[in-house]
Each structure stands twice: as structure tokens, then as C-alpha cells.
Amino acid sequence: RVDIASSSSQVASDEIFLAPEVREFRRFSEKSDVYSFGVFLLELLSGKQATESPSINTNQNLVESVLSNQDSGILSTIIDQRMETSFTGESMENYILLLIKCLDHSSERRPTMSYVEMELDRILEKEMNLTTMMGEGTPTVTLGSQLFKSNK
């Protein structure tokens, strides 16, 4: 159960996946699911849990940091090395643009889930074509369960 009425400015770990309109007004919709999926996409990109801070210089969580610093290049600094070395820059850029659309504060500006699915398929297909043409082979796939294990 999620306590949506929490007055804390720090987003609890189970609330981080909730869209702003769900936290504020309890309005669930397909677009609030898209927001949640965007948080998941961000976790995949960074290899970190969304509640973590991307750096020691901020007390913001990963989602807050990305949304407040979209234009400052922070996204390129949070990419998990396992993702960065497995995919082309073009695919990563398209993936990042998609996840930012999913995390839009306005539910009306977020894409539909069918668009997100179509776009992910397009990115994957283009990636496969690029890596085959460029002779880079097949991208490495990291299981989601492996993302949050330490790299010792």
C-alpha cells in the first residue's frame, strides 16, 4: 500500500514510480502507467534504483535529478557502463528521449503505452541493423535482476 498523503518532500521508494497526478490527486490512468514505465526505463539506463542520488553533490533522487537537469548533460553521466558499451550512441539518444517523454510532468504530453512499445521496437530494430552493418556484433543483454548487484 502506498501512502499518497505523505507530507514529506522526500519521495518514498514505493512512491517514486507514481506519476505526479497520482501522488497529488489519486488520478490513475494509462498515462500514469507510462510515467511509471519511464521510471523503470531510467533505472535500466542508469543501473541504479530510482531512489538513489546520481551523485554525491545532490540530495535529489535519480528521477528528480534527471527532470531538473535535462539540458545540462546529466543523462550522459548516469548511463550504466554496461548499457553504454552495448549500444550505439544513436540508440541511446533515442532511448533517452523516449524515457524523458514518459517522465513528462504533464500527463497530456506523455505518449501512450502503445507508442512507447512501438518506439522501443523501432529503436531495437534500428540498433540491430546498425550493429550488423557496422560489424559490432550483437549487443550484450543484461538481465534486470543483475542491474542492482554490485560490480566487485
Protein backbone atom coordinates (compact mmCIF):
# COMPACT_ATOMS: atom_id res chain seq x y z
CA ARG A 1 0.00 0.00 0.00
CA VAL A 2 1.25 3.45 -0.89
CA ASP A 3 0.59 6.35 1.48
CA ILE A 4 -0.05 9.07 -1.08
CA ALA A 5 -0.88 11.68 1.55
CA SER A 6 2.66 11.80 2.87
CA SER A 7 3.80 15.37 3.52
CA SER A 8 7.47 14.57 3.22
CA SER A 9 9.30 16.29 0.38
CA GLN A 10 11.49 13.19 0.07
CA VAL A 11 9.75 10.72 -2.20
CA ALA A 12 9.47 7.29 -0.58
CA SER A 13 10.85 4.35 -2.51
CA ASP A 14 7.42 2.97 -3.33
CA GLU A 15 6.12 6.39 -4.39
CA ILE A 16 8.90 7.10 -6.86
CA PHE A 17 7.05 5.18 -9.56
CA LEU A 18 3.85 7.18 -9.06
CA ALA A 19 3.07 9.90 -11.57
CA PRO A 20 2.68 13.42 -10.15
CA GLU A 21 -1.09 13.39 -10.73
CA VAL A 22 -1.38 10.13 -8.79
CA ARG A 23 0.61 11.47 -5.85
CA GLU A 24 -1.33 14.74 -5.79
CA PHE A 25 -4.87 13.82 -6.85
CA ARG A 26 -5.02 9.99 -6.94
CA ARG A 27 -5.77 10.11 -10.67
CA PHE A 28 -4.71 6.80 -12.19
CA SER A 29 -4.73 6.40 -15.97
CA GLU A 30 -2.82 4.81 -18.82
CA LYS A 31 -0.61 7.91 -18.80
CA SER A 32 0.25 7.39 -15.12
CA ASP A 33 1.36 3.88 -16.09
CA VAL A 34 3.52 5.42 -18.81
CA TYR A 35 5.20 7.59 -16.16
CA SER A 36 5.89 4.51 -14.03
CA PHE A 37 7.34 2.73 -17.04
CA GLY A 38 9.54 5.77 -17.69
CA VAL A 39 10.99 5.41 -14.19
CA PHE A 40 11.69 1.76 -14.98
CA LEU A 41 13.41 2.76 -18.25
CA LEU A 42 15.55 5.23 -16.28
CA GLU A 43 16.58 2.51 -13.85
CA LEU A 44 17.61 0.31 -16.77
CA LEU A 45 19.60 3.16 -18.31
CA SER A 46 21.44 4.04 -15.11
CA GLY A 47 21.74 0.65 -13.45
CA LYS A 48 20.63 2.38 -10.25
CA GLN A 49 17.43 2.39 -8.28
CA ALA A 50 15.35 5.49 -8.91
CA THR A 51 15.54 6.45 -5.23
CA GLU A 52 19.33 6.72 -5.40
CA SER A 53 21.10 10.01 -5.98
CA PRO A 54 23.09 10.12 -9.23
CA SER A 55 25.98 11.86 -7.49
CA ILE A 56 27.22 12.82 -4.06
CA ASN A 57 26.74 16.50 -4.94
CA THR A 58 22.95 16.38 -4.79
CA ASN A 59 20.24 15.22 -2.43
CA GLN A 60 17.83 14.67 -5.32
CA ASN A 61 16.82 11.17 -6.32
CA LEU A 62 17.57 9.92 -9.82
CA VAL A 63 14.20 10.95 -11.29
CA GLU A 64 14.28 14.45 -9.79
CA SER A 65 17.85 14.96 -10.90
CA VAL A 66 17.15 13.93 -14.49
CA LEU A 67 13.98 16.02 -14.76
CA SER A 68 15.58 19.15 -13.31
CA ASN A 69 18.78 18.85 -15.36
CA GLN A 70 17.62 17.61 -18.77
CA ASP A 71 19.60 20.22 -20.66
CA SER A 72 22.79 20.06 -18.62
CA GLY A 73 24.07 16.76 -19.97
CA ILE A 74 23.49 14.82 -16.75
CA LEU A 75 21.89 12.00 -18.72
CA SER A 76 25.16 11.12 -20.39
CA THR A 77 26.82 10.88 -16.97
CA ILE A 78 24.29 8.45 -15.48
CA ILE A 79 24.36 5.82 -18.22
CA ASP A 80 25.40 2.45 -16.82
CA GLN A 81 28.67 1.35 -18.43
CA ARG A 82 27.06 -1.99 -19.32
CA MET A 83 24.48 -0.12 -21.42
CA GLU A 84 26.90 2.44 -22.83
CA THR A 85 29.25 -0.15 -24.26
CA SER A 86 26.48 -2.40 -25.57
CA PHE A 87 24.51 0.02 -27.73
CA THR A 88 25.24 2.70 -30.30
CA GLY A 89 25.09 6.36 -29.36
CA GLU A 90 22.13 6.91 -31.67
CA SER A 91 20.09 4.19 -29.98
CA MET A 92 20.98 5.51 -26.53
CA GLU A 93 19.93 9.02 -27.55
CA ASN A 94 16.58 7.77 -28.86
CA TYR A 95 16.06 5.72 -25.69
CA ILE A 96 16.80 8.74 -23.50
CA LEU A 97 14.43 10.96 -25.48
CA LEU A 98 11.69 8.35 -25.07
CA LEU A 99 12.16 8.00 -21.32
CA ILE A 100 12.09 11.79 -20.90
CA LYS A 101 8.76 11.88 -22.77
CA CYS A 102 7.46 9.17 -20.43
CA LEU A 103 8.51 11.21 -17.37
CA ASP A 104 6.84 14.43 -18.52
CA HIS A 105 5.13 16.15 -15.57
CA SER A 106 2.03 16.70 -17.70
CA SER A 107 0.09 13.50 -18.34
CA GLU A 108 -1.31 15.02 -21.54
CA ARG A 109 2.19 15.36 -23.02
CA ARG A 110 3.21 11.78 -22.18
CA PRO A 111 2.98 9.27 -25.02
CA THR A 112 0.58 6.35 -24.98
CA MET A 113 1.90 2.95 -23.95
CA SER A 114 1.32 1.67 -27.49
CA TYR A 115 3.56 4.49 -28.79
CA VAL A 116 6.23 3.60 -26.20
CA GLU A 117 6.11 -0.04 -27.27
CA MET A 118 6.31 0.91 -30.95
CA GLU A 119 9.22 3.28 -30.30
CA LEU A 120 11.17 0.70 -28.29
CA ASP A 121 10.66 -1.82 -31.11
CA ARG A 122 11.87 0.78 -33.62
CA ILE A 123 14.95 1.60 -31.53
CA LEU A 124 15.79 -2.09 -31.15
CA GLU A 125 15.32 -2.80 -34.86
CA LYS A 126 17.48 0.17 -35.82
CA GLU A 127 20.11 -0.89 -33.27
CA MET A 128 20.22 -4.39 -34.68
CA ASN A 129 20.58 -3.01 -38.22
CA LEU A 130 23.31 -0.56 -37.18
CA THR A 131 25.35 -3.08 -35.24
CA THR A 132 25.10 -5.64 -38.03
CA MET A 133 26.13 -3.09 -40.67
CA MET A 134 28.94 -1.72 -38.52
CA GLY A 135 30.22 -5.18 -37.66
CA GLU A 136 29.88 -4.63 -33.94
CA GLY A 137 28.02 -7.90 -33.45
CA THR A 138 25.06 -8.38 -31.19
CA PRO A 139 24.53 -6.07 -28.22
CA THR A 140 25.06 -7.57 -24.79
CA VAL A 141 21.87 -8.07 -22.82
CA THR A 142 21.94 -7.55 -19.06
CA LEU A 143 19.17 -9.16 -17.04
CA GLY A 144 17.20 -6.71 -14.91
CA SER A 145 17.92 -8.80 -11.82
CA GLN A 146 21.66 -8.22 -12.39
CA LEU A 147 21.44 -4.42 -12.60
CA PHE A 148 21.42 -3.75 -8.88
CA LYS A 149 24.16 -6.17 -7.87
CA SER A 150 27.50 -4.65 -7.02
CA ASN A 151 30.35 -4.87 -9.52
CA LYS A 152 33.06 -6.22 -7.20
